[in-house]
C-alpha cells in the first residue's frame, strides 16, 4: 500500500463505499479529483454543494464546472506537482473561506429548481418543432 510505504498510514483513512458521502464532505476542506476521464463531474459538484473547493484535472466537463481560481483549480492530467501547489494555495487560511463560499455559489447554479425549467423549456421547443413538421407533412 502506498500510504504505508510513504509512512503516512496513520494520517490516511480509506473509507470505502459510503452511503452518505455528504457527511464526509461536510467536514472536508478540499476535494481532489485527479481523473483521467470524466464526463460532467457530479462528484465535484457534490463536494462544491458542501462548500468544498475542488482541485481537478482539466478534462471532460470539469472546466465548465470547476472555475479556475474561483471554485478551485484545474491541472493537466498527471501533473501531481501542480495539483499539490494549487491545493496548498487553497488550504491557506487566507484563501480557504473565499474558495468555500465560491464553491457553494457555483453549486447552487446547478440546483434542480434552476436546471429543471431549462430542460423543460428545451423539450417544449423540440416538441413544438416536431409538431410543426408533422403539420407541414415533412
N, C-alpha and C. Protein backbone atom coordinates (compact mmCIF):
# COMPACT_ATOMS: atom_id res chain seq x y z
N UNK A 1 0.84 -1.18 0.00
CA UNK A 1 0.00 0.00 0.00
C UNK A 1 0.89 1.24 0.00
N UNK A 2 0.54 2.23 -0.82
CA UNK A 2 1.34 3.43 -0.97
C UNK A 2 1.42 4.23 0.32
N UNK A 3 0.31 4.36 1.04
CA UNK A 3 0.31 5.13 2.28
C UNK A 3 1.27 4.52 3.29
N UNK A 4 1.29 3.21 3.36
CA UNK A 4 2.20 2.52 4.28
C UNK A 4 3.65 2.73 3.86
N UNK A 5 3.90 2.59 2.56
CA UNK A 5 5.25 2.77 2.02
C UNK A 5 5.76 4.20 2.26
N UNK A 6 4.86 5.17 2.21
CA UNK A 6 5.25 6.57 2.43
C UNK A 6 5.33 6.94 3.91
N UNK A 7 4.89 6.03 4.77
CA UNK A 7 4.94 6.30 6.20
C UNK A 7 3.84 7.24 6.68
N UNK A 8 2.74 7.31 5.95
CA UNK A 8 1.65 8.21 6.32
C UNK A 8 0.37 7.44 6.63
N UNK A 9 0.49 6.16 6.86
CA UNK A 9 -0.67 5.30 7.10
C UNK A 9 -1.56 5.80 8.23
N UNK A 10 -0.97 6.38 9.27
CA UNK A 10 -1.74 6.87 10.41
C UNK A 10 -2.50 8.15 10.08
N UNK A 11 -2.12 8.83 9.02
CA UNK A 11 -2.76 10.10 8.65
C UNK A 11 -3.78 9.94 7.53
N UNK A 12 -3.92 8.73 6.99
CA UNK A 12 -4.81 8.50 5.86
C UNK A 12 -5.91 7.54 6.27
N UNK A 13 -7.13 7.84 5.85
CA UNK A 13 -8.27 6.96 6.11
C UNK A 13 -8.87 6.54 4.79
N UNK A 14 -8.93 5.25 4.55
CA UNK A 14 -9.57 4.70 3.35
C UNK A 14 -10.98 4.29 3.77
N UNK A 15 -11.97 5.04 3.34
CA UNK A 15 -13.33 4.87 3.83
C UNK A 15 -14.16 3.87 3.05
N UNK A 16 -13.74 3.51 1.85
CA UNK A 16 -14.53 2.58 1.06
C UNK A 16 -15.80 3.24 0.55
N UNK A 17 -16.76 2.42 0.18
CA UNK A 17 -18.03 2.94 -0.35
C UNK A 17 -18.85 3.55 0.78
N UNK A 18 -19.38 4.74 0.51
CA UNK A 18 -20.17 5.45 1.51
C UNK A 18 -21.58 5.67 1.01
N UNK A 19 -22.55 5.50 1.88
CA UNK A 19 -23.94 5.77 1.53
C UNK A 19 -24.23 7.27 1.65
N UNK A 20 -23.69 7.91 2.67
CA UNK A 20 -23.95 9.33 2.93
C UNK A 20 -22.65 10.11 2.77
N UNK A 21 -22.24 10.30 1.54
CA UNK A 21 -20.97 10.97 1.27
C UNK A 21 -20.96 12.41 1.77
N UNK A 22 -22.12 13.03 1.87
CA UNK A 22 -22.18 14.42 2.34
C UNK A 22 -21.70 14.56 3.78
N UNK A 23 -21.79 13.49 4.56
CA UNK A 23 -21.29 13.53 5.93
C UNK A 23 -19.77 13.71 5.96
N UNK A 24 -19.09 13.08 5.04
CA UNK A 24 -17.63 13.22 4.95
C UNK A 24 -17.28 14.55 4.30
N UNK A 25 -17.98 14.88 3.22
CA UNK A 25 -17.70 16.13 2.52
C UNK A 25 -17.92 17.35 3.41
N UNK A 26 -18.90 17.28 4.28
CA UNK A 26 -19.21 18.44 5.13
C UNK A 26 -18.08 18.80 6.09
N UNK A 27 -17.16 17.90 6.33
CA UNK A 27 -16.03 18.20 7.22
C UNK A 27 -14.71 18.32 6.44
N UNK A 28 -14.80 18.24 5.12
CA UNK A 28 -13.59 18.32 4.29
C UNK A 28 -13.28 19.77 3.95
N UNK A 29 -12.02 20.04 3.72
CA UNK A 29 -11.58 21.37 3.30
C UNK A 29 -11.28 21.43 1.81
N UNK A 30 -11.02 20.26 1.20
CA UNK A 30 -10.62 20.24 -0.20
C UNK A 30 -11.02 18.91 -0.83
N UNK A 31 -11.44 18.98 -2.09
CA UNK A 31 -11.79 17.78 -2.84
C UNK A 31 -10.81 17.68 -4.01
N UNK A 32 -10.05 16.62 -4.05
CA UNK A 32 -9.06 16.40 -5.09
C UNK A 32 -9.62 15.39 -6.08
N UNK A 33 -9.67 15.77 -7.36
CA UNK A 33 -10.25 14.91 -8.39
C UNK A 33 -9.26 14.76 -9.54
N UNK A 34 -8.32 13.83 -9.42
CA UNK A 34 -7.28 13.66 -10.45
C UNK A 34 -7.68 12.71 -11.57
N UNK A 35 -8.91 12.83 -12.04
CA UNK A 35 -9.45 11.92 -13.05
C UNK A 35 -8.72 12.01 -14.38
N UNK A 36 -8.59 10.87 -15.03
CA UNK A 36 -8.05 10.83 -16.39
C UNK A 36 -9.16 10.95 -17.42
N UNK A 37 -10.40 10.65 -17.02
CA UNK A 37 -11.57 10.77 -17.89
C UNK A 37 -12.76 11.12 -17.01
N UNK A 38 -13.57 12.05 -17.48
CA UNK A 38 -14.72 12.49 -16.70
C UNK A 38 -15.70 13.15 -17.65
N UNK A 39 -16.97 12.82 -17.48
CA UNK A 39 -17.96 13.44 -18.37
C UNK A 39 -18.37 14.80 -17.81
N UNK A 40 -19.04 14.83 -16.68
CA UNK A 40 -19.52 16.09 -16.11
C UNK A 40 -18.79 16.44 -14.83
N UNK A 41 -18.67 15.51 -13.93
CA UNK A 41 -18.03 15.77 -12.65
C UNK A 41 -19.03 15.91 -11.52
N UNK A 42 -19.99 14.99 -11.47
CA UNK A 42 -21.01 15.03 -10.43
C UNK A 42 -20.40 14.98 -9.03
N UNK A 43 -19.35 14.21 -8.85
CA UNK A 43 -18.71 14.12 -7.53
C UNK A 43 -18.15 15.48 -7.13
N UNK A 44 -17.58 16.20 -8.09
CA UNK A 44 -17.06 17.54 -7.80
C UNK A 44 -18.20 18.49 -7.44
N UNK A 45 -19.32 18.39 -8.14
CA UNK A 45 -20.48 19.23 -7.84
C UNK A 45 -21.00 18.94 -6.44
N UNK A 46 -21.04 17.67 -6.07
CA UNK A 46 -21.49 17.30 -4.72
C UNK A 46 -20.56 17.90 -3.66
N UNK A 47 -19.26 17.88 -3.93
CA UNK A 47 -18.31 18.49 -2.99
C UNK A 47 -18.57 19.99 -2.88
N UNK A 48 -18.74 20.64 -4.02
CA UNK A 48 -18.96 22.08 -4.02
C UNK A 48 -20.25 22.45 -3.29
N UNK A 49 -21.28 21.60 -3.40
CA UNK A 49 -22.53 21.83 -2.69
C UNK A 49 -22.35 21.77 -1.18
N UNK A 50 -21.28 21.12 -0.73
CA UNK A 50 -20.93 21.04 0.69
C UNK A 50 -19.88 22.08 1.06
N UNK A 51 -19.71 23.10 0.23
CA UNK A 51 -18.74 24.17 0.42
C UNK A 51 -17.30 23.68 0.42
N UNK A 52 -17.03 22.72 -0.44
CA UNK A 52 -15.67 22.18 -0.53
C UNK A 52 -15.09 22.55 -1.89
N UNK A 53 -14.03 23.36 -1.91
CA UNK A 53 -13.38 23.70 -3.17
C UNK A 53 -12.75 22.46 -3.82
N UNK A 54 -12.54 22.54 -5.13
CA UNK A 54 -12.10 21.38 -5.90
C UNK A 54 -10.80 21.69 -6.66
N UNK A 55 -9.88 20.76 -6.58
CA UNK A 55 -8.72 20.76 -7.47
C UNK A 55 -8.89 19.53 -8.34
N UNK A 56 -9.05 19.76 -9.64
CA UNK A 56 -9.35 18.66 -10.55
C UNK A 56 -8.49 18.75 -11.80
N UNK A 57 -8.58 17.71 -12.57
CA UNK A 57 -7.95 17.75 -13.89
C UNK A 57 -8.84 18.56 -14.82
N UNK A 58 -8.27 19.01 -15.92
CA UNK A 58 -8.99 19.88 -16.85
C UNK A 58 -9.54 19.08 -18.04
N UNK A 59 -10.24 18.00 -17.74
CA UNK A 59 -10.76 17.13 -18.80
C UNK A 59 -12.29 17.06 -18.72
N UNK A 60 -12.88 16.61 -19.81
CA UNK A 60 -14.33 16.44 -19.85
C UNK A 60 -15.07 17.71 -19.52
N UNK A 61 -16.10 17.59 -18.71
CA UNK A 61 -16.91 18.75 -18.33
C UNK A 61 -16.40 19.49 -17.11
N UNK A 62 -15.30 19.04 -16.53
CA UNK A 62 -14.80 19.68 -15.32
C UNK A 62 -14.46 21.16 -15.49
N UNK A 63 -13.85 21.58 -16.61
CA UNK A 63 -13.58 23.01 -16.75
C UNK A 63 -14.84 23.89 -16.78
N UNK A 64 -15.97 23.33 -17.18
CA UNK A 64 -17.22 24.09 -17.15
C UNK A 64 -17.76 24.22 -15.74
N UNK A 65 -17.49 23.26 -14.91
CA UNK A 65 -18.00 23.23 -13.54
C UNK A 65 -17.05 23.91 -12.57
N UNK A 66 -15.81 23.49 -12.58
CA UNK A 66 -14.81 23.98 -11.64
C UNK A 66 -14.11 25.19 -12.25
N UNK A 67 -14.45 26.35 -11.76
CA UNK A 67 -13.94 27.59 -12.35
C UNK A 67 -12.54 27.91 -11.81
N UNK A 68 -11.60 27.99 -12.72
CA UNK A 68 -10.19 28.20 -12.40
C UNK A 68 -9.99 29.44 -11.52
N UNK A 69 -9.43 29.23 -10.34
CA UNK A 69 -9.12 30.32 -9.43
C UNK A 69 -10.33 30.88 -8.70
N UNK A 70 -11.50 30.30 -8.91
CA UNK A 70 -12.73 30.79 -8.28
C UNK A 70 -13.28 29.73 -7.32
N UNK A 71 -13.61 28.56 -7.86
CA UNK A 71 -14.15 27.47 -7.05
C UNK A 71 -13.08 26.45 -6.71
N UNK A 72 -11.93 26.61 -7.29
CA UNK A 72 -10.81 25.70 -7.14
C UNK A 72 -9.84 25.92 -8.27
N UNK A 73 -9.17 24.85 -8.67
CA UNK A 73 -8.21 24.95 -9.75
C UNK A 73 -8.26 23.72 -10.63
N UNK A 74 -7.78 23.88 -11.85
CA UNK A 74 -7.67 22.79 -12.82
C UNK A 74 -6.20 22.55 -13.12
N UNK A 75 -5.85 21.30 -13.33
CA UNK A 75 -4.48 20.93 -13.69
C UNK A 75 -4.52 19.90 -14.81
N UNK A 76 -3.43 19.77 -15.51
CA UNK A 76 -3.33 18.74 -16.54
C UNK A 76 -3.31 17.36 -15.90
N UNK A 77 -3.83 16.39 -16.61
CA UNK A 77 -3.83 15.00 -16.13
C UNK A 77 -2.39 14.59 -15.81
N UNK A 78 -2.21 14.05 -14.62
CA UNK A 78 -0.91 13.55 -14.21
C UNK A 78 0.03 14.58 -13.60
N UNK A 79 -0.35 15.84 -13.58
CA UNK A 79 0.53 16.88 -13.04
C UNK A 79 0.32 17.01 -11.53
N UNK A 80 0.88 16.07 -10.80
CA UNK A 80 0.71 15.99 -9.36
C UNK A 80 1.32 17.20 -8.66
N UNK A 81 2.44 17.67 -9.13
CA UNK A 81 3.10 18.83 -8.51
C UNK A 81 2.21 20.07 -8.59
N UNK A 82 1.58 20.28 -9.76
CA UNK A 82 0.70 21.43 -9.93
C UNK A 82 -0.52 21.31 -9.03
N UNK A 83 -1.09 20.12 -8.96
CA UNK A 83 -2.26 19.91 -8.10
C UNK A 83 -1.89 20.14 -6.63
N UNK A 84 -0.71 19.72 -6.25
CA UNK A 84 -0.24 19.91 -4.87
C UNK A 84 -0.09 21.39 -4.57
N UNK A 85 0.55 22.12 -5.46
CA UNK A 85 0.77 23.56 -5.27
C UNK A 85 -0.57 24.30 -5.15
N UNK A 86 -1.49 23.97 -6.02
CA UNK A 86 -2.80 24.63 -6.01
C UNK A 86 -3.60 24.24 -4.77
N UNK A 87 -3.48 23.00 -4.33
CA UNK A 87 -4.16 22.56 -3.12
C UNK A 87 -3.66 23.33 -1.90
N UNK A 88 -2.37 23.47 -1.81
CA UNK A 88 -1.80 24.21 -0.68
C UNK A 88 -2.22 25.68 -0.70
N UNK A 89 -2.35 26.25 -1.89
CA UNK A 89 -2.81 27.63 -2.01
C UNK A 89 -4.23 27.77 -1.47
N UNK A 90 -5.11 26.87 -1.86
CA UNK A 90 -6.49 26.91 -1.38
C UNK A 90 -6.55 26.73 0.13
N UNK A 91 -5.76 25.81 0.66
CA UNK A 91 -5.80 25.48 2.08
C UNK A 91 -5.21 26.56 2.98
N UNK A 92 -4.55 27.53 2.40
CA UNK A 92 -4.05 28.67 3.18
C UNK A 92 -5.25 29.33 3.86
N UNK A 93 -5.11 29.63 5.15
CA UNK A 93 -6.24 30.17 5.92
C UNK A 93 -6.78 31.48 5.35
N UNK A 94 -5.96 32.22 4.60
CA UNK A 94 -6.43 33.46 4.00
C UNK A 94 -7.22 33.23 2.71
N UNK A 95 -7.10 32.07 2.12
CA UNK A 95 -7.77 31.78 0.85
C UNK A 95 -8.98 30.85 1.00
N UNK A 96 -8.92 29.94 1.94
CA UNK A 96 -9.94 28.90 2.06
C UNK A 96 -11.37 29.43 2.18
N UNK A 97 -11.64 30.43 3.01
CA UNK A 97 -13.03 30.90 3.13
C UNK A 97 -13.62 31.39 1.79
N UNK A 98 -12.84 32.08 1.01
CA UNK A 98 -13.31 32.59 -0.28
C UNK A 98 -13.62 31.44 -1.23
N UNK A 99 -12.74 30.45 -1.29
CA UNK A 99 -12.97 29.30 -2.17
C UNK A 99 -14.19 28.49 -1.73
N UNK A 100 -14.38 28.34 -0.43
CA UNK A 100 -15.55 27.61 0.08
C UNK A 100 -16.84 28.33 -0.32
N UNK A 101 -16.87 29.63 -0.14
CA UNK A 101 -18.06 30.42 -0.50
C UNK A 101 -18.34 30.33 -2.00
N UNK A 102 -17.30 30.47 -2.80
CA UNK A 102 -17.47 30.41 -4.26
C UNK A 102 -17.92 29.03 -4.73
N UNK A 103 -17.43 27.98 -4.08
CA UNK A 103 -17.82 26.62 -4.44
C UNK A 103 -19.31 26.43 -4.22
N UNK A 104 -19.82 26.88 -3.09
CA UNK A 104 -21.24 26.74 -2.80
C UNK A 104 -22.08 27.55 -3.79
N UNK A 105 -21.67 28.77 -4.07
CA UNK A 105 -22.41 29.61 -5.02
C UNK A 105 -22.48 28.94 -6.39
N UNK A 106 -21.36 28.36 -6.82
CA UNK A 106 -21.34 27.71 -8.13
C UNK A 106 -22.26 26.48 -8.13
N UNK A 107 -22.22 25.71 -7.07
CA UNK A 107 -23.08 24.52 -6.98
C UNK A 107 -24.55 24.91 -7.04
N UNK A 108 -24.90 26.03 -6.43
CA UNK A 108 -26.29 26.47 -6.43
C UNK A 108 -26.78 26.81 -7.84
N UNK A 109 -25.87 27.13 -8.74
CA UNK A 109 -26.26 27.39 -10.13
C UNK A 109 -26.79 26.12 -10.81
N UNK A 110 -26.47 24.96 -10.26
CA UNK A 110 -26.91 23.69 -10.82
C UNK A 110 -28.06 23.07 -10.03
N UNK A 111 -28.65 23.85 -9.14
CA UNK A 111 -29.78 23.37 -8.34
C UNK A 111 -30.92 22.97 -9.27
N UNK A 112 -31.63 21.94 -8.90
CA UNK A 112 -32.71 21.42 -9.75
C UNK A 112 -33.77 22.47 -10.03
N UNK A 113 -34.00 23.37 -9.09
CA UNK A 113 -35.01 24.41 -9.29
C UNK A 113 -34.61 25.38 -10.41
N UNK A 114 -33.33 25.44 -10.72
CA UNK A 114 -32.86 26.29 -11.82
C UNK A 114 -32.68 25.50 -13.11
N UNK A 115 -32.22 24.28 -13.00
CA UNK A 115 -31.89 23.48 -14.18
C UNK A 115 -33.13 22.84 -14.80
N UNK A 116 -34.03 22.35 -13.98
CA UNK A 116 -35.22 21.67 -14.50
C UNK A 116 -36.04 22.54 -15.46
N UNK A 117 -36.32 23.79 -15.14
CA UNK A 117 -37.06 24.62 -16.09
C UNK A 117 -36.33 24.80 -17.43
N UNK A 118 -35.02 24.81 -17.41
CA UNK A 118 -34.25 24.91 -18.65
C UNK A 118 -34.46 23.67 -19.52
N UNK A 119 -34.40 22.50 -18.89
CA UNK A 119 -34.64 21.25 -19.63
C UNK A 119 -36.08 21.22 -20.16
N UNK A 120 -37.02 21.59 -19.32
CA UNK A 120 -38.42 21.57 -19.75
C UNK A 120 -38.64 22.50 -20.94
N UNK A 121 -38.02 23.69 -20.88
CA UNK A 121 -38.14 24.64 -21.98
C UNK A 121 -37.55 24.09 -23.27
N UNK A 122 -36.41 23.44 -23.15
CA UNK A 122 -35.77 22.84 -24.33
C UNK A 122 -36.65 21.74 -24.93
N UNK A 123 -37.17 20.86 -24.07
CA UNK A 123 -38.03 19.79 -24.55
C UNK A 123 -39.29 20.35 -25.20
N UNK A 124 -39.82 21.42 -24.65
CA UNK A 124 -41.01 22.05 -25.22
C UNK A 124 -40.70 22.58 -26.62
N UNK A 125 -39.54 23.19 -26.80
CA UNK A 125 -39.13 23.68 -28.13
C UNK A 125 -39.02 22.53 -29.12
N UNK A 126 -38.42 21.44 -28.70
CA UNK A 126 -38.27 20.27 -29.58
C UNK A 126 -39.64 19.73 -29.97
N UNK A 127 -40.54 19.62 -29.01
CA UNK A 127 -41.88 19.12 -29.30
C UNK A 127 -42.63 20.04 -30.26
N UNK A 128 -42.50 21.34 -30.06
CA UNK A 128 -43.18 22.29 -30.94
C UNK A 128 -42.66 22.20 -32.37
N UNK A 129 -41.35 22.08 -32.52
CA UNK A 129 -40.76 21.95 -33.87
C UNK A 129 -41.21 20.65 -34.54
N UNK A 130 -41.26 19.58 -33.76
CA UNK A 130 -41.70 18.29 -34.31
C UNK A 130 -43.17 18.38 -34.71
N UNK A 131 -43.96 19.05 -33.91
CA UNK A 131 -45.39 19.21 -34.22
C UNK A 131 -45.56 20.02 -35.52
N UNK A 132 -44.77 21.08 -35.67
CA UNK A 132 -44.82 21.90 -36.87
C UNK A 132 -44.47 21.08 -38.11
N UNK A 133 -43.47 20.21 -37.99
CA UNK A 133 -43.07 19.36 -39.11
C UNK A 133 -44.17 18.39 -39.47
N UNK A 134 -44.81 17.81 -38.47
CA UNK A 134 -45.90 16.87 -38.73
C UNK A 134 -47.05 17.59 -39.42
N UNK A 135 -47.37 18.78 -38.96
CA UNK A 135 -48.47 19.54 -39.56
C UNK A 135 -48.14 19.97 -40.98
N UNK A 136 -46.87 20.21 -41.24
CA UNK A 136 -46.45 20.61 -42.60
C UNK A 136 -46.27 19.40 -43.51
N UNK A 137 -46.38 18.21 -42.95
CA UNK A 137 -46.25 17.00 -43.75
C UNK A 137 -44.82 16.64 -44.08
N UNK A 138 -43.90 17.13 -43.30
CA UNK A 138 -42.47 16.84 -43.54
C UNK A 138 -42.08 15.53 -42.91
